[in-house]
Amino acid sequence: MIRLDGDSLRKAWPQLRPMIEKARKKSGCTDPFIIEDIYHQCMIQDTFCYVTGEGPRIDGVLFLRPVNNFGESELHIWIGTFQRPAQLSDHIEFVEGLGRHIKAKRITCLSPRMFDKMWPNSKAVSKRFEKEL
């Protein structure tokens, strides 16, 4: 996975925006953010943007946010989308490694999808999935 920020994010945004919109509609996401919130959070370096693909073609993206939750560090998967056959489960080791690198206590995400199959020792808490590191 390659991290995009600054000019590289700006250049890739025309590819990323429709991917985010499609993923949001497909998942039935009810989080009240607008797509530009993601761009802004990445530009102020409050969110990490990681992509997969070859050359200028992006076939997957993960937006990850370091979060302080009552004094404990978490790495939150804000949104991720991949063109099949790739999927988030192909990048679990990367996400867990990044979480450990930033000294996160857990990885979290909010989703209507069932991540417990991917992370067997996680638990669903009102659609909030947590994986202890």
Protein backbone atom coordinates (compact mmCIF):
# COMPACT_ATOMS: atom_id res chain seq x y z
CA MET A 1 0.00 0.00 0.00
CA ILE A 2 1.19 3.50 -0.82
CA ARG A 3 0.38 6.53 1.31
CA LEU A 4 -0.95 9.58 -0.51
CA ASP A 5 -0.89 13.09 0.90
CA GLY A 6 -0.50 16.66 -0.34
CA ASP A 7 -0.01 16.88 -4.10
CA SER A 8 -0.21 13.12 -4.64
CA LEU A 9 -3.64 13.03 -2.94
CA ARG A 10 -4.80 16.08 -4.91
CA LYS A 11 -3.77 14.40 -8.16
CA ALA A 12 -5.48 11.09 -7.28
CA TRP A 13 -8.69 12.63 -5.87
CA PRO A 14 -10.64 12.46 -9.19
CA GLN A 15 -10.22 8.64 -9.04
CA LEU A 16 -10.82 8.34 -5.30
CA ARG A 17 -13.99 10.43 -5.00
CA PRO A 18 -16.21 8.14 -7.13
CA MET A 19 -14.80 5.07 -5.36
CA ILE A 20 -15.79 6.56 -1.99
CA GLU A 21 -19.27 7.48 -3.24
CA LYS A 22 -19.83 3.98 -4.61
CA ALA A 23 -18.66 2.31 -1.39
CA ARG A 24 -20.81 4.59 0.73
CA LYS A 25 -23.95 3.83 -1.28
CA LYS A 26 -23.24 0.08 -1.41
CA SER A 27 -22.68 -0.20 2.34
CA GLY A 28 -25.69 1.87 3.34
CA CYS A 29 -23.43 4.10 5.43
CA THR A 30 -25.38 6.50 7.64
CA ASP A 31 -22.38 8.45 8.95
CA PRO A 32 -23.25 12.11 8.27
CA PHE A 33 -19.90 13.08 6.68
CA ILE A 34 -19.58 14.54 3.19
CA ILE A 35 -16.93 13.24 0.79
CA GLU A 36 -14.95 16.49 1.07
CA ASP A 37 -14.56 15.84 4.82
CA ILE A 38 -12.30 12.90 3.96
CA TYR A 39 -10.20 15.01 1.60
CA HIS A 40 -9.88 17.79 4.20
CA GLN A 41 -8.91 15.38 7.00
CA CYS A 42 -6.21 13.88 4.78
CA MET A 43 -4.87 17.28 3.77
CA ILE A 44 -4.50 18.38 7.40
CA GLN A 45 -2.89 14.98 8.12
CA ASP A 46 -5.60 13.88 10.56
CA THR A 47 -6.38 10.88 8.33
CA PHE A 48 -4.07 8.60 6.34
CA CYS A 49 -4.91 7.69 2.75
CA TYR A 50 -3.40 4.43 1.49
CA VAL A 51 -3.96 3.09 -2.01
CA THR A 52 -3.23 -0.02 -4.02
CA GLY A 53 -2.78 -0.28 -7.74
CA GLU A 54 -0.21 -0.17 -10.50
CA GLY A 55 0.98 3.05 -12.07
CA PRO A 56 -1.68 5.73 -12.20
CA ARG A 57 -4.55 3.22 -11.81
CA ILE A 58 -5.91 2.98 -8.25
CA ASP A 59 -7.85 -0.19 -7.48
CA GLY A 60 -8.22 0.15 -3.73
CA VAL A 61 -8.16 2.78 -1.01
CA LEU A 62 -8.16 2.85 2.80
CA PHE A 63 -8.72 5.94 4.91
CA LEU A 64 -7.37 5.38 8.42
CA ARG A 65 -7.66 7.77 11.37
CA PRO A 66 -5.59 7.73 14.54
CA VAL A 67 -8.06 8.47 17.35
CA ASN A 68 -7.60 9.21 21.05
CA ASN A 69 -10.45 7.45 22.85
CA PHE A 70 -10.39 8.49 26.51
CA GLY A 71 -6.60 8.36 26.64
CA GLU A 72 -6.20 5.18 24.60
CA SER A 73 -4.92 5.32 21.05
CA GLU A 74 -6.97 3.60 18.33
CA LEU A 75 -6.55 3.25 14.58
CA HIS A 76 -9.98 3.74 13.03
CA ILE A 77 -10.82 2.43 9.56
CA TRP A 78 -12.96 5.31 8.32
CA ILE A 79 -13.68 3.94 4.86
CA GLY A 80 -12.14 1.41 2.54
CA THR A 81 -13.02 0.11 -0.88
CA PHE A 82 -11.34 -2.28 -3.28
CA GLN A 83 -12.13 -3.51 -6.76
CA ARG A 84 -12.72 -7.26 -6.76
CA PRO A 85 -11.07 -9.65 -6.30
CA ALA A 86 -9.05 -7.52 -3.82
CA GLN A 87 -10.64 -6.72 -0.47
CA LEU A 88 -9.83 -5.36 2.96
CA SER A 89 -8.94 -8.82 4.26
CA ASP A 90 -5.94 -8.79 1.89
CA HIS A 91 -4.51 -5.85 3.87
CA ILE A 92 -5.21 -6.83 7.48
CA GLU A 93 -1.53 -7.41 8.27
CA PHE A 94 -0.72 -3.95 6.91
CA VAL A 95 -3.46 -2.28 9.01
CA GLU A 96 -2.44 -4.16 12.15
CA GLY A 97 1.25 -3.29 11.54
CA LEU A 98 0.39 0.39 11.12
CA GLY A 99 -1.70 0.24 14.29
CA ARG A 100 1.21 -1.21 16.24
CA HIS A 101 3.60 1.34 14.70
CA ILE A 102 1.51 4.25 15.98
CA LYS A 103 1.12 2.44 19.31
CA ALA A 104 -2.65 1.98 18.96
CA LYS A 105 -4.32 -0.25 21.53
CA ARG A 106 -6.93 -1.41 19.03
CA ILE A 107 -8.24 -1.12 15.49
CA THR A 108 -11.84 0.01 15.12
CA CYS A 109 -14.42 0.50 12.40
CA LEU A 110 -18.12 1.21 12.12
CA SER A 111 -19.83 -0.91 9.54
CA PRO A 112 -22.98 -2.79 8.67
CA ARG A 113 -20.66 -5.56 7.40
CA MET A 114 -19.50 -8.46 9.52
CA PHE A 115 -15.78 -8.05 10.18
CA ASP A 116 -15.82 -10.76 12.85
CA LYS A 117 -15.07 -13.29 10.10
CA MET A 118 -11.92 -11.37 9.24
CA TRP A 119 -10.94 -10.68 12.85
CA PRO A 120 -12.15 -13.70 14.85
CA ASN A 121 -11.27 -12.19 18.24
CA SER A 122 -13.15 -8.95 17.63
CA LYS A 123 -16.55 -8.03 18.99
CA ALA A 124 -19.40 -6.00 17.54
CA VAL A 125 -20.50 -3.11 19.73
CA SER A 126 -23.46 -1.38 18.11
CA LYS A 127 -21.90 -1.85 14.65
CA ARG A 128 -18.55 -0.77 16.06
CA PHE A 129 -15.94 -3.45 15.54
CA GLU A 130 -12.87 -3.55 17.75
CA LYS A 131 -9.70 -5.61 17.35
CA GLU A 132 -7.28 -5.44 20.27
CA LEU A 133 -3.62 -5.20 19.30
